[in-house]
Amino acid sequence: MRALGLLLSVAVLALVALASIAIGAKPLPLDQVWHGLFHDTGTYGDVVVDERLSRTALGLLAGAALGLAGAVLQALTRNPLADPGLLGINAGASAAVVTAITYFGVTSLTGYVWFAFLGAAAVGALVWFLGGSRGATPVRLALAGTAISAALYGYLQAVMITDDAALGRMRFWTVGSLASATGSTLTQVLPFLAVGTLLALGLARPLNAVEMGDDTARALGANLHRTRALAMLAAVLLCGAATAACGPIMFVGLMVPHVVRSFTGPDLRWILPYATVLSPVLLLGADVVGRIVARPAELQVGIVTAVIGGPVFIFLVRRRRTAQL
C-alpha cells in the first residue's frame, strides 16, 4: 500500500507541476502554453512559459530539499516539531545575505545565493561544534541552534533598521519566493541539492536506529557520531541551497514530514521518499494559489505557506492519530 501511495503522490506532483506551468498571475491561453513548451519562437507566450518552467523547476527542487531536510532534522533531534529554523540554518542564510547587501554591495540574486549558502553552512558547523561535536545530543543541538538564531536575527534587525537600502532589498528575499528563478540559480544550487539528497536518503537506516535512543542505536551497531555528523551535513546542504535560492520558506520542512509520518509510520525508508515527493506539491500548490488570489499581482509563496500551514498544522497536531517519534 505504501508503494502504491508513493506512486499516486508522484502523479499528484506531476499534475501540480503542470498547473504551475499553465497558471500564472497573467492569464495565458492553454494553446499558447502548449506552443511555448514545444515551439520556441520568441513570442510573449514562449517567454512567459520559459519563466514558469524555471519557477516550477526551482519549486520542485526547493520543496524536495526542505521536506527532506525537515524529516532528517526531526529524526536527528528526535523532535517531531523540528524544522530548518531550529538549528539556525535559516538565520545564518539571512544574516549572510544582509551582510552581503550592506557591506559588500551585492545586488544580484546570483550573489545572494553564495552568501546565503555560506552563511547556512557556517551556522550549521557552529551549531555542531557548540552542540558537543563528538558528544552531540538532540537537546544540545536544538539549544545551540535556538541561541544562535536569536543572536543572528537580532543582528539582522539591527542592520536593516539602520540601513534603508538593505531593508528594501531584503524585504523581497526574506518573505520567500520562487519568482526570481532563473537557469543560473538552478545550476548554482543543483550540485548541493543533489549531494544533500543522496546523503539524506542514504541515512534512512542509521537514522531509524538513532530515533530509538542512543543506547538502542549502539546496540544495533549504529555509529552515532558519524550518523549525526552526516545528517547535519545533509540538512545544511539541503536547507542552505533551498534558502539561498528562495529565501526562508516556513512550514514546508516542518509540516510535510509530520503529516507523512502519520500514515507511513516511523520508518524513514518511507518517510524520506514521501517527503521528497509531497513537499514540492505543497510548495508549488501554494505558489499557484498566490498567483491566482491577488491577480494581476501575486502573493509570495512564503506568505501563502504560512497562511495555509499555520491552521492546518494546528489541526494535525490536535488529531489523535498524529504520529509521535
Protein backbone atom coordinates (compact mmCIF):
# COMPACT_ATOMS: atom_id res chain seq x y z
CA MET A 1 0.00 0.00 0.00
CA ARG A 2 2.81 2.44 0.82
CA ALA A 3 4.41 1.82 -2.57
CA LEU A 4 1.09 2.47 -4.31
CA GLY A 5 0.64 5.62 -2.25
CA LEU A 6 4.07 6.83 -3.31
CA LEU A 7 3.19 6.30 -6.97
CA LEU A 8 -0.05 8.24 -6.50
CA SER A 9 1.93 11.01 -4.81
CA VAL A 10 4.22 11.22 -7.85
CA ALA A 11 1.14 11.51 -10.10
CA VAL A 12 -0.23 14.33 -7.94
CA LEU A 13 3.14 16.09 -8.11
CA ALA A 14 3.12 15.85 -11.91
CA LEU A 15 -0.36 17.43 -12.03
CA VAL A 16 0.64 20.26 -9.70
CA ALA A 17 3.79 20.90 -11.75
CA LEU A 18 1.68 21.15 -14.92
CA ALA A 19 -0.67 23.56 -13.13
CA SER A 20 2.33 25.66 -12.12
CA ILE A 21 3.33 25.96 -15.78
CA ALA A 22 -0.18 26.59 -17.08
CA ILE A 23 -1.45 29.04 -14.43
CA GLY A 24 0.08 32.43 -13.75
CA ALA A 25 -0.71 35.87 -12.40
CA LYS A 26 -1.28 36.90 -16.01
CA PRO A 27 -3.76 34.51 -17.70
CA LEU A 28 -2.36 32.75 -20.75
CA PRO A 29 -4.44 30.53 -23.09
CA LEU A 30 -3.57 26.87 -22.92
CA ASP A 31 -2.72 26.77 -26.61
CA GLN A 32 -0.04 29.41 -26.03
CA VAL A 33 1.29 27.42 -23.07
CA TRP A 34 1.48 24.33 -25.27
CA HIS A 35 3.15 26.33 -28.03
CA GLY A 36 5.67 27.78 -25.59
CA LEU A 37 6.57 24.34 -24.29
CA PHE A 38 7.27 22.74 -27.64
CA HIS A 39 7.79 25.55 -30.17
CA ASP A 40 10.17 28.28 -29.06
CA THR A 41 9.59 31.19 -31.47
CA GLY A 42 10.39 34.06 -29.12
CA THR A 43 6.79 35.22 -28.66
CA TYR A 44 5.41 36.64 -25.42
CA GLY A 45 3.80 33.33 -24.56
CA ASP A 46 7.09 31.49 -25.06
CA VAL A 47 8.88 33.88 -22.72
CA VAL A 48 6.21 33.51 -20.05
CA VAL A 49 6.33 29.73 -20.28
CA ASP A 50 10.13 29.75 -20.04
CA GLU A 51 9.87 31.80 -16.84
CA ARG A 52 7.24 29.47 -15.43
CA LEU A 53 9.37 26.44 -16.29
CA SER A 54 12.30 27.84 -14.31
CA ARG A 55 9.97 28.74 -11.45
CA THR A 56 8.41 25.29 -11.41
CA ALA A 57 11.80 23.57 -11.53
CA LEU A 58 13.00 25.65 -8.58
CA GLY A 59 9.81 24.82 -6.70
CA LEU A 60 10.37 21.11 -7.30
CA LEU A 61 13.98 21.24 -6.13
CA ALA A 62 13.47 23.56 -3.17
CA GLY A 63 10.34 21.77 -1.99
CA ALA A 64 12.02 18.38 -2.07
CA ALA A 65 15.06 19.80 -0.28
CA LEU A 66 13.03 21.41 2.51
CA GLY A 67 10.91 18.30 3.03
CA LEU A 68 13.93 16.02 3.15
CA ALA A 69 15.82 18.35 5.47
CA GLY A 70 12.84 18.61 7.80
CA ALA A 71 12.49 14.83 8.02
CA VAL A 72 16.22 14.41 8.68
CA LEU A 73 16.24 17.10 11.39
CA GLN A 74 13.17 15.62 13.08
CA ALA A 75 14.92 12.27 13.23
CA LEU A 76 18.25 13.78 14.28
CA THR A 77 16.77 15.79 17.15
CA ARG A 78 14.03 13.25 17.93
CA ASN A 79 11.66 16.21 17.81
CA PRO A 80 8.57 15.97 15.56
CA LEU A 81 8.36 19.79 15.52
CA ALA A 82 11.89 20.34 14.26
CA ASP A 83 12.47 22.31 11.07
CA PRO A 84 15.40 24.09 9.35
CA GLY A 85 14.93 27.10 11.62
CA LEU A 86 15.56 25.01 14.74
CA LEU A 87 19.29 24.65 14.04
CA GLY A 88 19.76 28.24 12.91
CA ILE A 89 20.23 27.47 9.21
CA ASN A 90 17.63 29.99 8.00
CA ALA A 91 19.03 32.64 10.34
CA GLY A 92 22.56 32.03 9.08
CA ALA A 93 21.50 32.41 5.46
CA SER A 94 19.50 35.58 6.17
CA ALA A 95 22.32 37.19 8.16
CA ALA A 96 24.80 36.42 5.39
CA VAL A 97 22.56 37.98 2.74
CA VAL A 98 22.02 41.22 4.66
CA THR A 99 25.77 41.40 5.30
CA ALA A 100 26.45 40.97 1.58
CA ILE A 101 23.98 43.72 0.70
CA THR A 102 25.08 46.19 3.35
CA TYR A 103 28.83 45.77 3.44
CA PHE A 104 29.78 44.21 0.10
CA GLY A 105 27.31 45.91 -2.22
CA VAL A 106 25.85 42.68 -3.62
CA THR A 107 22.65 43.39 -5.52
CA SER A 108 22.05 40.33 -7.73
CA LEU A 109 20.34 37.07 -6.86
CA THR A 110 23.37 35.11 -8.08
CA GLY A 111 25.44 36.92 -5.48
CA TYR A 112 22.88 36.24 -2.74
CA VAL A 113 22.97 32.53 -3.42
CA TRP A 114 26.59 32.06 -2.48
CA PHE A 115 26.49 34.30 0.59
CA ALA A 116 23.30 32.64 1.82
CA PHE A 117 24.72 29.18 1.36
CA LEU A 118 27.99 30.04 3.11
CA GLY A 119 26.04 31.58 6.00
CA ALA A 120 23.90 28.47 6.37
CA ALA A 121 26.95 26.21 6.24
CA ALA A 122 28.88 28.31 8.77
CA VAL A 123 25.99 28.29 11.24
CA GLY A 124 25.47 24.56 10.76
CA ALA A 125 29.14 23.93 11.60
CA LEU A 126 28.95 26.27 14.60
CA VAL A 127 25.82 24.56 15.94
CA TRP A 128 27.54 21.19 15.57
CA PHE A 129 30.60 22.48 17.43
CA LEU A 130 28.63 24.12 20.24
CA GLY A 131 26.27 21.16 20.44
CA GLY A 132 29.12 18.97 21.59
CA SER A 133 30.68 17.70 18.35
CA ARG A 134 31.51 14.09 19.22
CA GLY A 135 29.13 14.21 22.18
CA ALA A 136 26.33 15.99 20.33
CA THR A 137 22.82 15.21 21.56
CA PRO A 138 19.41 16.30 20.24
CA VAL A 139 18.89 18.69 23.16
CA ARG A 140 22.32 20.30 22.81
CA LEU A 141 21.90 20.78 19.07
CA ALA A 142 18.45 22.35 19.50
CA LEU A 143 19.62 24.69 22.27
CA ALA A 144 22.69 25.77 20.31
CA GLY A 145 20.59 26.40 17.19
CA THR A 146 17.99 28.41 19.10
CA ALA A 147 20.62 30.58 20.79
CA ILE A 148 22.46 31.31 17.54
CA SER A 149 19.20 32.05 15.73
CA ALA A 150 18.22 34.62 18.35
CA ALA A 151 21.59 36.35 18.11
CA LEU A 152 21.60 36.40 14.32
CA TYR A 153 18.04 37.70 14.00
CA GLY A 154 18.95 40.47 16.44
CA TYR A 155 21.89 41.39 14.19
CA LEU A 156 19.65 41.16 11.13
CA GLN A 157 17.07 43.55 12.54
CA ALA A 158 19.72 46.00 13.74
CA VAL A 159 21.32 46.24 10.30
CA MET A 160 18.03 46.53 8.44
CA ILE A 161 16.73 49.27 10.76
CA THR A 162 19.86 51.38 10.27
CA ASP A 163 20.20 50.78 6.51
CA ASP A 164 17.18 51.63 4.36
CA ALA A 165 18.81 50.20 1.23
CA ALA A 166 19.37 46.85 2.91
CA LEU A 167 15.78 46.87 4.19
CA GLY A 168 14.41 47.46 0.69
CA ARG A 169 16.49 44.73 -0.93
CA MET A 170 15.98 42.19 1.85
CA ARG A 171 12.23 42.67 2.07
CA PHE A 172 11.51 40.56 -1.02
CA TRP A 173 14.04 37.83 -0.23
CA THR A 174 13.08 37.31 3.42
CA VAL A 175 9.42 36.66 2.53
CA GLY A 176 10.34 33.60 0.47
CA SER A 177 9.59 33.48 -3.24
CA LEU A 178 10.06 31.44 -6.40
CA ALA A 179 9.53 34.44 -8.67
CA SER A 180 13.24 35.15 -9.19
CA ALA A 181 14.03 31.68 -10.50
CA THR A 182 16.49 31.58 -13.39
CA GLY A 183 18.52 28.92 -15.13
CA SER A 184 21.63 30.35 -13.46
CA THR A 185 20.13 29.98 -10.00
CA LEU A 186 19.16 26.37 -10.70
CA THR A 187 22.63 25.41 -11.93
CA GLN A 188 24.27 27.01 -8.90
CA VAL A 189 22.22 25.19 -6.27
CA LEU A 190 21.66 21.88 -8.08
CA PRO A 191 25.01 20.23 -7.13
CA PHE A 192 24.45 20.97 -3.45
CA LEU A 193 20.87 19.71 -3.58
CA ALA A 194 21.92 16.53 -5.40
CA VAL A 195 24.63 15.68 -2.85
CA GLY A 196 22.36 16.52 0.08
CA THR A 197 19.52 14.40 -1.32
CA LEU A 198 21.70 11.34 -1.89
CA LEU A 199 23.24 11.72 1.55
CA ALA A 200 19.86 12.09 3.28
CA LEU A 201 18.29 9.10 1.52
CA GLY A 202 21.35 7.00 2.34
CA LEU A 203 20.96 7.79 6.05
CA ALA A 204 17.46 6.35 6.38
CA ARG A 205 18.53 3.09 8.04
CA PRO A 206 21.04 4.52 10.58
CA LEU A 207 18.67 7.38 11.44
CA ASN A 208 15.99 4.79 12.18
CA ALA A 209 18.34 3.43 14.83
CA VAL A 210 19.16 6.90 16.19
CA GLU A 211 15.45 7.61 16.68
CA MET A 212 15.25 4.66 19.08
CA GLY A 213 17.67 6.29 21.51
CA ASP A 214 21.43 6.28 21.91
CA ASP A 215 21.71 3.00 23.81
CA THR A 216 19.49 1.11 21.39
CA ALA A 217 21.30 2.62 18.42
CA ARG A 218 24.67 1.49 19.76
CA ALA A 219 23.27 -1.98 20.42
CA LEU A 220 22.15 -2.11 16.78
CA GLY A 221 25.65 -1.19 15.63
CA ALA A 222 24.95 2.41 14.56
CA ASN A 223 27.81 4.90 14.66
CA LEU A 224 26.11 7.80 16.43
CA HIS A 225 28.80 10.40 15.79
CA ARG A 226 29.10 9.63 12.10
CA THR A 227 25.34 9.44 11.58
CA ARG A 228 24.69 12.76 13.32
CA ALA A 229 27.56 14.49 11.53
CA LEU A 230 26.38 13.28 8.12
CA ALA A 231 22.76 14.15 8.95
CA MET A 232 23.83 17.69 9.89
CA LEU A 233 25.81 17.95 6.66
CA ALA A 234 22.83 16.77 4.60
CA ALA A 235 20.49 19.24 6.34
CA VAL A 236 22.92 22.13 5.79
CA LEU A 237 23.35 21.31 2.10
CA LEU A 238 19.61 20.98 1.52
CA CYS A 239 18.40 23.89 3.64
CA GLY A 240 21.28 26.15 2.71
CA ALA A 241 20.81 25.74 -1.02
CA ALA A 242 17.00 25.99 -0.88
CA THR A 243 17.07 29.05 1.38
CA ALA A 244 19.75 30.69 -0.74
CA ALA A 245 17.64 30.34 -3.89
CA CYS A 246 14.17 31.11 -2.48
CA GLY A 247 14.63 32.83 0.85
CA PRO A 248 13.42 31.32 4.14
CA ILE A 249 10.15 29.49 3.46
CA MET A 250 8.36 28.30 6.57
CA PHE A 251 6.22 25.26 7.36
CA VAL A 252 7.18 23.07 4.38
CA GLY A 253 10.04 21.33 6.19
CA LEU A 254 8.01 21.19 9.39
CA MET A 255 4.55 20.16 8.26
CA VAL A 256 5.06 17.69 5.41
CA PRO A 257 7.32 15.17 7.24
CA HIS A 258 5.00 15.41 10.23
CA VAL A 259 1.97 14.62 8.07
CA VAL A 260 3.78 11.85 6.20
CA ARG A 261 4.72 10.14 9.45
CA SER A 262 1.04 9.85 10.35
CA PHE A 263 0.38 7.39 7.51
CA THR A 264 3.77 5.78 6.83
CA GLY A 265 4.73 5.12 10.42
CA PRO A 266 8.18 5.93 11.85
CA ASP A 267 10.26 4.16 9.18
CA LEU A 268 12.46 6.76 7.48
CA ARG A 269 12.91 4.50 4.47
CA TRP A 270 9.34 5.53 3.60
CA ILE A 271 9.18 8.97 5.26
CA LEU A 272 12.10 10.38 3.25
CA PRO A 273 10.80 9.41 -0.22
CA TYR A 274 7.28 10.57 0.62
CA ALA A 275 8.58 13.89 1.97
CA THR A 276 10.69 14.34 -1.17
CA VAL A 277 7.59 13.99 -3.36
CA LEU A 278 4.88 15.69 -1.27
CA SER A 279 6.84 18.76 -0.14
CA PRO A 280 7.04 20.14 -3.72
CA VAL A 281 3.29 19.50 -4.01
CA LEU A 282 2.72 21.86 -1.08
CA LEU A 283 5.23 24.46 -2.26
CA LEU A 284 4.11 24.57 -5.89
CA GLY A 285 0.45 24.41 -4.90
CA ALA A 286 0.93 27.39 -2.59
CA ASP A 287 2.76 29.25 -5.35
CA VAL A 288 -0.14 28.67 -7.78
CA VAL A 289 -2.63 29.87 -5.16
CA GLY A 290 -0.54 33.00 -4.63
CA ARG A 291 -0.67 33.80 -8.34
CA ILE A 292 -4.47 33.40 -8.52
CA VAL A 293 -5.76 35.16 -5.42
CA ALA A 294 -4.01 38.51 -5.98
CA ARG A 295 -4.23 38.91 -9.77
CA PRO A 296 -2.83 40.83 -11.56
CA ALA A 297 -0.22 40.93 -8.79
CA GLU A 298 0.71 37.86 -6.73
CA LEU A 299 1.36 36.78 -3.17
CA GLN A 300 4.81 35.36 -2.47
CA VAL A 301 4.84 31.67 -1.74
CA GLY A 302 6.32 32.19 1.74
CA ILE A 303 3.22 34.16 2.73
CA VAL A 304 0.85 31.54 1.34
CA THR A 305 2.60 28.61 3.06
CA ALA A 306 2.44 30.49 6.36
CA VAL A 307 -1.26 31.32 5.97
CA ILE A 308 -2.15 27.77 4.94
CA GLY A 309 0.35 25.98 7.11
CA GLY A 310 -0.49 27.51 10.47
CA PRO A 311 -4.14 26.43 10.79
CA VAL A 312 -3.56 23.10 9.04
CA PHE A 313 -0.64 22.25 11.29
CA ILE A 314 -2.62 23.13 14.43
CA PHE A 315 -5.42 20.82 13.26
CA LEU A 316 -2.98 17.99 12.57
CA VAL A 317 -1.23 18.35 15.92
CA ARG A 318 -4.57 18.08 17.71
CA ARG A 319 -5.56 14.91 15.89
CA ARG A 320 -5.37 11.79 17.99
CA ARG A 321 -3.73 9.86 15.15
CA THR A 322 -0.80 12.27 14.77
CA ALA A 323 2.29 10.11 14.93
CA GLN A 324 4.96 10.51 17.61
CA LEU A 325 8.66 9.89 17.30
